[in-house]
């Protein structure tokens, strides 16, 4: 059995993982999917990690930390503090030591990547309608419920502050690219995983919101990673 700590992305809540959590629990694992602090402009990524560690109540080689999207700024801090045996990033914004999230977009060439993908797919990538750019493969009712939970996270303080880790955590890292992602173009994230982590990404056939659109496939992949990391 593994303990999965599932960390949500910007503007989101732990509920976004509820379908994946159900699948993982059904496979005999323990799952913790906290709501990171929101609506507080004083909070930093260190504070978000503090909140996750406090809720986790466990550490060591049973822990698998998973970060989705902006959750990639919090997940490595948590993985290092808990001595996790594995870190997984799902469509993750891979930070570099000392890099502020506000700087990440320019540093990685995000805008250029989106413009190129948008030119190829008729403007769907980067579209201002979230049902086009984020939730296009999520059932409408489920997508609307997800949007109803949106809140201010992370804070402007966290976005402007240098990422606090001096180096990537010691835990082995896996990276998952969503092949239908219209927020982070798949080829952009594959290249980022290679250049920043020297990791060859795996694919899941899903939008950016894979925890809602492909929970069974995602849970199976996470369980596979956990089993392999425990060998």
C-alpha atoms as a PDB file:
ATOM      1  CA  UNK A   1       0.000   0.000   0.000  1.00  0.00           C
ATOM      2  CA  UNK A   2       1.135   3.527  -0.807  1.00  0.00           C
ATOM      3  CA  UNK A   3      -0.032   6.833   0.582  1.00  0.00           C
ATOM      4  CA  UNK A   4      -0.743   9.194  -2.290  1.00  0.00           C
ATOM      5  CA  UNK A   5      -0.635  12.896  -1.527  1.00  0.00           C
ATOM      6  CA  UNK A   6      -2.464  14.621  -4.373  1.00  0.00           C
ATOM      7  CA  UNK A   7      -1.793  18.349  -4.755  1.00  0.00           C
ATOM      8  CA  UNK A   8      -4.128  20.455  -6.870  1.00  0.00           C
ATOM      9  CA  UNK A   9      -3.310  23.318  -9.212  1.00  0.00           C
ATOM     10  CA  UNK A  10      -4.023  27.041  -9.245  1.00  0.00           C
ATOM     11  CA  UNK A  11      -7.504  28.183  -8.299  1.00  0.00           C
ATOM     12  CA  UNK A  12      -8.476  24.648  -7.460  1.00  0.00           C
ATOM     13  CA  UNK A  13      -9.302  22.490  -4.420  1.00  0.00           C
ATOM     14  CA  UNK A  14      -8.631  18.944  -3.337  1.00  0.00           C
ATOM     15  CA  UNK A  15     -12.047  17.919  -4.699  1.00  0.00           C
ATOM     16  CA  UNK A  16     -10.539  17.981  -8.192  1.00  0.00           C
ATOM     17  CA  UNK A  17      -8.859  14.670  -7.304  1.00  0.00           C
ATOM     18  CA  UNK A  18     -11.944  12.938  -5.886  1.00  0.00           C
ATOM     19  CA  UNK A  19     -12.480  10.545  -8.795  1.00  0.00           C
ATOM     20  CA  UNK A  20      -8.815   9.528  -8.872  1.00  0.00           C
ATOM     21  CA  UNK A  21      -8.847   9.149  -5.093  1.00  0.00           C
ATOM     22  CA  UNK A  22     -11.795   6.773  -5.296  1.00  0.00           C
ATOM     23  CA  UNK A  23      -9.959   4.628  -7.827  1.00  0.00           C
ATOM     24  CA  UNK A  24      -6.754   4.544  -5.791  1.00  0.00           C
ATOM     25  CA  UNK A  25      -8.578   3.673  -2.568  1.00  0.00           C
ATOM     26  CA  UNK A  26     -10.316   0.881  -4.457  1.00  0.00           C
ATOM     27  CA  UNK A  27      -6.863  -0.459  -5.288  1.00  0.00           C
ATOM     28  CA  UNK A  28      -5.965  -0.534  -1.594  1.00  0.00           C
ATOM     29  CA  UNK A  29      -4.054   2.727  -1.288  1.00  0.00           C
ATOM     30  CA  UNK A  30      -4.446   5.615   1.122  1.00  0.00           C
ATOM     31  CA  UNK A  31      -5.139   9.064  -0.371  1.00  0.00           C
ATOM     32  CA  UNK A  32      -4.747  12.588   0.986  1.00  0.00           C
ATOM     33  CA  UNK A  33      -5.968  15.425  -1.246  1.00  0.00           C
ATOM     34  CA  UNK A  34      -5.870  18.639   0.808  1.00  0.00           C
ATOM     35  CA  UNK A  35      -7.230  22.066  -0.012  1.00  0.00           C
ATOM     36  CA  UNK A  36      -4.164  24.298  -0.131  1.00  0.00           C
ATOM     37  CA  UNK A  37      -4.660  27.632   1.655  1.00  0.00           C
ATOM     38  CA  UNK A  38      -6.505  30.114  -0.529  1.00  0.00           C
ATOM     39  CA  UNK A  39      -7.820  33.675  -0.406  1.00  0.00           C
ATOM     40  CA  UNK A  40      -4.849  34.787   1.708  1.00  0.00           C
ATOM     41  CA  UNK A  41      -2.318  37.107   0.082  1.00  0.00           C
ATOM     42  CA  UNK A  42       0.290  36.485   2.781  1.00  0.00           C
ATOM     43  CA  UNK A  43       0.702  32.776   2.043  1.00  0.00           C
ATOM     44  CA  UNK A  44       3.776  31.414   0.233  1.00  0.00           C
ATOM     45  CA  UNK A  45       4.664  28.043  -1.267  1.00  0.00           C
ATOM     46  CA  UNK A  46       6.451  27.210   1.978  1.00  0.00           C
ATOM     47  CA  UNK A  47       3.141  27.812   3.770  1.00  0.00           C
ATOM     48  CA  UNK A  48       1.294  25.599   1.291  1.00  0.00           C
ATOM     49  CA  UNK A  49       3.826  22.836   1.883  1.00  0.00           C
ATOM     50  CA  UNK A  50       3.436  23.294   5.653  1.00  0.00           C
ATOM     51  CA  UNK A  51      -0.316  22.766   5.304  1.00  0.00           C
ATOM     52  CA  UNK A  52       0.122  19.585   3.263  1.00  0.00           C
ATOM     53  CA  UNK A  53       2.735  18.123   5.614  1.00  0.00           C
ATOM     54  CA  UNK A  54       0.543  18.862   8.626  1.00  0.00           C
ATOM     55  CA  UNK A  55      -2.435  17.114   7.051  1.00  0.00           C
ATOM     56  CA  UNK A  56      -0.436  14.167   5.759  1.00  0.00           C
ATOM     57  CA  UNK A  57       0.521  12.758   9.152  1.00  0.00           C
ATOM     58  CA  UNK A  58       2.888  10.308   7.473  1.00  0.00           C
ATOM     59  CA  UNK A  59       6.350  10.306   5.971  1.00  0.00           C
ATOM     60  CA  UNK A  60       8.859   7.917   4.445  1.00  0.00           C
ATOM     61  CA  UNK A  61       8.957   5.407   1.652  1.00  0.00           C
ATOM     62  CA  UNK A  62       5.233   4.719   1.567  1.00  0.00           C
ATOM     63  CA  UNK A  63       4.588   8.286   0.335  1.00  0.00           C
ATOM     64  CA  UNK A  64       3.991   9.181  -3.313  1.00  0.00           C
ATOM     65  CA  UNK A  65       3.506  12.910  -3.939  1.00  0.00           C
ATOM     66  CA  UNK A  66       1.605  14.010  -7.057  1.00  0.00           C
ATOM     67  CA  UNK A  67       1.385  17.634  -8.210  1.00  0.00           C
ATOM     68  CA  UNK A  68      -0.960  18.880 -10.935  1.00  0.00           C
ATOM     69  CA  UNK A  69      -0.153  22.004 -12.968  1.00  0.00           C
ATOM     70  CA  UNK A  70       0.792  24.823 -10.539  1.00  0.00           C
ATOM     71  CA  UNK A  71       0.887  22.142  -7.848  1.00  0.00           C
ATOM     72  CA  UNK A  72       4.358  21.384  -9.223  1.00  0.00           C
ATOM     73  CA  UNK A  73       5.654  24.359  -7.226  1.00  0.00           C
ATOM     74  CA  UNK A  74       4.391  22.834  -3.958  1.00  0.00           C
ATOM     75  CA  UNK A  75       4.819  19.096  -4.597  1.00  0.00           C
ATOM     76  CA  UNK A  76       8.661  18.978  -4.649  1.00  0.00           C
ATOM     77  CA  UNK A  77       8.848  20.828  -1.328  1.00  0.00           C
ATOM     78  CA  UNK A  78       6.422  18.341   0.197  1.00  0.00           C
ATOM     79  CA  UNK A  79       8.263  15.360  -1.305  1.00  0.00           C
ATOM     80  CA  UNK A  80      11.555  16.484   0.201  1.00  0.00           C
ATOM     81  CA  UNK A  81      10.097  17.222   3.625  1.00  0.00           C
ATOM     82  CA  UNK A  82       8.301  13.880   3.811  1.00  0.00           C
ATOM     83  CA  UNK A  83      11.122  11.806   2.381  1.00  0.00           C
ATOM     84  CA  UNK A  84       8.761  10.551  -0.344  1.00  0.00           C
ATOM     85  CA  UNK A  85       9.852   7.586  -2.418  1.00  0.00           C
ATOM     86  CA  UNK A  86       8.372   9.086  -5.594  1.00  0.00           C
ATOM     87  CA  UNK A  87       7.332  12.453  -7.005  1.00  0.00           C
ATOM     88  CA  UNK A  88       4.921  12.630  -9.955  1.00  0.00           C
ATOM     89  CA  UNK A  89       4.048  15.779 -11.894  1.00  0.00           C
ATOM     90  CA  UNK A  90       0.895  15.863 -14.019  1.00  0.00           C
ATOM     91  CA  UNK A  91       1.048  18.629 -16.649  1.00  0.00           C
ATOM     92  CA  UNK A  92       3.296  20.288 -14.099  1.00  0.00           C
ATOM     93  CA  UNK A  93       4.903  23.727 -14.139  1.00  0.00           C
ATOM     94  CA  UNK A  94       8.429  22.503 -13.404  1.00  0.00           C
ATOM     95  CA  UNK A  95      10.183  25.219 -11.364  1.00  0.00           C
ATOM     96  CA  UNK A  96      13.890  25.953 -11.277  1.00  0.00           C
ATOM     97  CA  UNK A  97      15.599  26.875  -7.989  1.00  0.00           C
ATOM     98  CA  UNK A  98      15.102  30.562  -7.273  1.00  0.00           C
ATOM     99  CA  UNK A  99      12.572  31.030 -10.067  1.00  0.00           C
ATOM    100  CA  UNK A 100       9.417  32.949  -9.201  1.00  0.00           C
ATOM    101  CA  UNK A 101       6.207  31.574 -10.727  1.00  0.00           C
ATOM    102  CA  UNK A 102       5.607  34.983 -12.291  1.00  0.00           C
ATOM    103  CA  UNK A 103       8.889  34.537 -14.192  1.00  0.00           C
ATOM    104  CA  UNK A 104       8.207  30.943 -15.245  1.00  0.00           C
ATOM    105  CA  UNK A 105       6.008  31.848 -18.211  1.00  0.00           C
ATOM    106  CA  UNK A 106       8.657  33.969 -19.918  1.00  0.00           C
ATOM    107  CA  UNK A 107      11.586  31.776 -18.893  1.00  0.00           C
ATOM    108  CA  UNK A 108      10.036  28.662 -20.419  1.00  0.00           C
ATOM    109  CA  UNK A 109       8.791  30.246 -23.648  1.00  0.00           C
ATOM    110  CA  UNK A 110       5.186  29.460 -22.756  1.00  0.00           C
ATOM    111  CA  UNK A 111       3.539  32.229 -24.779  1.00  0.00           C
ATOM    112  CA  UNK A 112       5.404  31.302 -27.948  1.00  0.00           C
ATOM    113  CA  UNK A 113       4.479  27.640 -27.489  1.00  0.00           C
ATOM    114  CA  UNK A 114       0.795  28.499 -27.056  1.00  0.00           C
ATOM    115  CA  UNK A 115       0.814  30.770 -30.105  1.00  0.00           C
ATOM    116  CA  UNK A 116       2.318  28.018 -32.245  1.00  0.00           C
ATOM    117  CA  UNK A 117      -0.157  25.400 -30.996  1.00  0.00           C
ATOM    118  CA  UNK A 118      -3.078  27.801 -31.437  1.00  0.00           C
ATOM    119  CA  UNK A 119      -2.079  28.447 -35.040  1.00  0.00           C
ATOM    120  CA  UNK A 120      -2.153  24.703 -35.694  1.00  0.00           C
ATOM    121  CA  UNK A 121      -5.474  23.895 -34.007  1.00  0.00           C
ATOM    122  CA  UNK A 122      -7.575  26.854 -35.071  1.00  0.00           C
ATOM    123  CA  UNK A 123      -7.308  28.821 -31.834  1.00  0.00           C
ATOM    124  CA  UNK A 124      -8.437  26.171 -29.390  1.00  0.00           C
ATOM    125  CA  UNK A 125      -5.157  26.191 -27.452  1.00  0.00           C
ATOM    126  CA  UNK A 126      -5.162  29.208 -25.159  1.00  0.00           C
ATOM    127  CA  UNK A 127      -8.852  29.905 -25.859  1.00  0.00           C
ATOM    128  CA  UNK A 128     -10.468  32.248 -23.346  1.00  0.00           C
ATOM    129  CA  UNK A 129     -13.456  29.908 -22.875  1.00  0.00           C
ATOM    130  CA  UNK A 130     -12.457  27.368 -20.192  1.00  0.00           C
ATOM    131  CA  UNK A 131     -14.836  24.807 -21.681  1.00  0.00           C
ATOM    132  CA  UNK A 132     -12.666  24.918 -24.791  1.00  0.00           C
ATOM    133  CA  UNK A 133      -9.194  25.279 -23.282  1.00  0.00           C
ATOM    134  CA  UNK A 134      -9.495  23.312 -20.017  1.00  0.00           C
ATOM    135  CA  UNK A 135     -12.614  21.152 -19.757  1.00  0.00           C
ATOM    136  CA  UNK A 136     -13.308  20.085 -23.343  1.00  0.00           C
ATOM    137  CA  UNK A 137     -13.288  16.354 -22.479  1.00  0.00           C
ATOM    138  CA  UNK A 138     -14.911  16.711 -19.039  1.00  0.00           C
ATOM    139  CA  UNK A 139     -18.693  16.128 -18.727  1.00  0.00           C
ATOM    140  CA  UNK A 140     -20.340  19.558 -18.664  1.00  0.00           C
ATOM    141  CA  UNK A 141     -22.000  19.143 -15.256  1.00  0.00           C
ATOM    142  CA  UNK A 142     -18.733  18.013 -13.700  1.00  0.00           C
ATOM    143  CA  UNK A 143     -16.830  20.887 -15.333  1.00  0.00           C
ATOM    144  CA  UNK A 144     -19.357  23.416 -14.046  1.00  0.00           C
ATOM    145  CA  UNK A 145     -19.040  22.017 -10.552  1.00  0.00           C
ATOM    146  CA  UNK A 146     -15.261  22.250 -10.758  1.00  0.00           C
ATOM    147  CA  UNK A 147     -15.503  25.891 -11.784  1.00  0.00           C
ATOM    148  CA  UNK A 148     -17.812  26.613  -8.851  1.00  0.00           C
ATOM    149  CA  UNK A 149     -14.950  25.770  -6.478  1.00  0.00           C
ATOM    150  CA  UNK A 150     -12.507  28.275  -7.978  1.00  0.00           C
ATOM    151  CA  UNK A 151     -10.762  30.593  -5.527  1.00  0.00           C
ATOM    152  CA  UNK A 152      -7.658  32.765  -5.131  1.00  0.00           C
ATOM    153  CA  UNK A 153      -4.750  30.337  -4.976  1.00  0.00           C
ATOM    154  CA  UNK A 154      -1.826  30.830  -5.074  1.00  0.00           C
ATOM    155  CA  UNK A 155      -1.372  34.298  -3.656  1.00  0.00           C
ATOM    156  CA  UNK A 156       0.354  37.168  -5.451  1.00  0.00           C
ATOM    157  CA  UNK A 157       3.020  36.921  -2.736  1.00  0.00           C
ATOM    158  CA  UNK A 158       3.702  33.299  -3.645  1.00  0.00           C
ATOM    159  CA  UNK A 159       3.721  34.081  -7.352  1.00  0.00           C
ATOM    160  CA  UNK A 160       6.311  36.833  -6.958  1.00  0.00           C
ATOM    161  CA  UNK A 161       8.656  35.034  -4.531  1.00  0.00           C
ATOM    162  CA  UNK A 162      11.627  32.933  -5.710  1.00  0.00           C
ATOM    163  CA  UNK A 163      10.950  29.211  -5.467  1.00  0.00           C
ATOM    164  CA  UNK A 164      12.582  28.274  -2.141  1.00  0.00           C
ATOM    165  CA  UNK A 165      14.309  24.989  -2.966  1.00  0.00           C
ATOM    166  CA  UNK A 166      18.042  25.124  -3.753  1.00  0.00           C
ATOM    167  CA  UNK A 167      17.867  21.895  -5.775  1.00  0.00           C
ATOM    168  CA  UNK A 168      15.354  19.353  -7.028  1.00  0.00           C
ATOM    169  CA  UNK A 169      14.301  16.839  -4.332  1.00  0.00           C
ATOM    170  CA  UNK A 170      16.074  13.525  -4.015  1.00  0.00           C
ATOM    171  CA  UNK A 171      12.972  11.445  -4.796  1.00  0.00           C
ATOM    172  CA  UNK A 172      12.794   9.953  -8.319  1.00  0.00           C
ATOM    173  CA  UNK A 173      10.488  12.015 -10.539  1.00  0.00           C
ATOM    174  CA  UNK A 174       7.966  10.919 -13.167  1.00  0.00           C
ATOM    175  CA  UNK A 175       6.200  13.333 -15.506  1.00  0.00           C
ATOM    176  CA  UNK A 176       2.850  12.937 -17.274  1.00  0.00           C
ATOM    177  CA  UNK A 177       1.858  14.962 -20.340  1.00  0.00           C
ATOM    178  CA  UNK A 178      -1.808  15.323 -21.269  1.00  0.00           C
ATOM    179  CA  UNK A 179      -1.950  14.803 -25.032  1.00  0.00           C
ATOM    180  CA  UNK A 180      -5.113  16.926 -25.442  1.00  0.00           C
ATOM    181  CA  UNK A 181      -3.849  19.745 -23.208  1.00  0.00           C
ATOM    182  CA  UNK A 182      -4.890  23.132 -24.611  1.00  0.00           C
ATOM    183  CA  UNK A 183      -3.327  25.087 -21.751  1.00  0.00           C
ATOM    184  CA  UNK A 184       0.184  23.595 -21.754  1.00  0.00           C
ATOM    185  CA  UNK A 185       0.897  22.272 -25.271  1.00  0.00           C
ATOM    186  CA  UNK A 186       2.102  18.664 -25.001  1.00  0.00           C
ATOM    187  CA  UNK A 187       5.297  19.180 -27.005  1.00  0.00           C
ATOM    188  CA  UNK A 188       6.155  22.191 -24.825  1.00  0.00           C
ATOM    189  CA  UNK A 189       5.882  20.120 -21.629  1.00  0.00           C
ATOM    190  CA  UNK A 190       7.774  17.161 -23.067  1.00  0.00           C
ATOM    191  CA  UNK A 191      10.680  19.458 -23.906  1.00  0.00           C
ATOM    192  CA  UNK A 192      10.500  21.116 -20.480  1.00  0.00           C
ATOM    193  CA  UNK A 193      10.620  17.753 -18.691  1.00  0.00           C
ATOM    194  CA  UNK A 194      13.722  16.832 -20.669  1.00  0.00           C
ATOM    195  CA  UNK A 195      15.576  20.107 -20.244  1.00  0.00           C
ATOM    196  CA  UNK A 196      14.731  20.763 -16.593  1.00  0.00           C
ATOM    197  CA  UNK A 197      14.528  17.237 -15.175  1.00  0.00           C
ATOM    198  CA  UNK A 198      16.163  15.006 -17.781  1.00  0.00           C
ATOM    199  CA  UNK A 199      12.947  12.964 -17.664  1.00  0.00           C
ATOM    200  CA  UNK A 200      11.171  11.418 -20.648  1.00  0.00           C
ATOM    201  CA  UNK A 201       7.491  12.115 -20.087  1.00  0.00           C
ATOM    202  CA  UNK A 202       4.689   9.584 -20.283  1.00  0.00           C
ATOM    203  CA  UNK A 203       1.390  10.400 -22.006  1.00  0.00           C
ATOM    204  CA  UNK A 204      -2.234  10.258 -20.990  1.00  0.00           C
ATOM    205  CA  UNK A 205      -4.933  10.917 -23.590  1.00  0.00           C
ATOM    206  CA  UNK A 206      -6.691  13.734 -21.780  1.00  0.00           C
ATOM    207  CA  UNK A 207      -7.184  17.468 -21.446  1.00  0.00           C
ATOM    208  CA  UNK A 208      -5.381  19.546 -18.835  1.00  0.00           C
ATOM    209  CA  UNK A 209      -8.044  18.392 -16.378  1.00  0.00           C
ATOM    210  CA  UNK A 210      -7.179  14.690 -16.548  1.00  0.00           C
ATOM    211  CA  UNK A 211      -8.161  13.996 -12.899  1.00  0.00           C
ATOM    212  CA  UNK A 212     -11.765  14.728 -13.917  1.00  0.00           C
ATOM    213  CA  UNK A 213     -11.805  13.438 -17.482  1.00  0.00           C
ATOM    214  CA  UNK A 214      -9.667  10.276 -17.233  1.00  0.00           C
ATOM    215  CA  UNK A 215      -9.609   9.300 -13.535  1.00  0.00           C
ATOM    216  CA  UNK A 216      -9.486   5.539 -14.122  1.00  0.00           C
ATOM    217  CA  UNK A 217      -6.590   5.727 -16.573  1.00  0.00           C
ATOM    218  CA  UNK A 218      -4.744   8.233 -14.407  1.00  0.00           C
ATOM    219  CA  UNK A 219      -5.180   6.199 -11.225  1.00  0.00           C
ATOM    220  CA  UNK A 220      -3.937   3.095 -13.032  1.00  0.00           C
ATOM    221  CA  UNK A 221      -0.822   4.955 -14.173  1.00  0.00           C
ATOM    222  CA  UNK A 222      -0.144   6.329 -10.698  1.00  0.00           C
ATOM    223  CA  UNK A 223      -0.586   2.876  -9.143  1.00  0.00           C
ATOM    224  CA  UNK A 224       1.794   1.455 -11.749  1.00  0.00           C
ATOM    225  CA  UNK A 225       4.400   4.084 -10.857  1.00  0.00           C
ATOM    226  CA  UNK A 226       4.010   3.352  -7.156  1.00  0.00           C
ATOM    227  CA  UNK A 227       4.409  -0.380  -7.660  1.00  0.00           C
ATOM    228  CA  UNK A 228       7.508   0.084  -9.798  1.00  0.00           C
ATOM    229  CA  UNK A 229       9.091   2.508  -7.336  1.00  0.00           C
ATOM    230  CA  UNK A 230       8.681   0.003  -4.507  1.00  0.00           C
ATOM    231  CA  UNK A 231      10.505  -2.803  -6.264  1.00  0.00           C
END
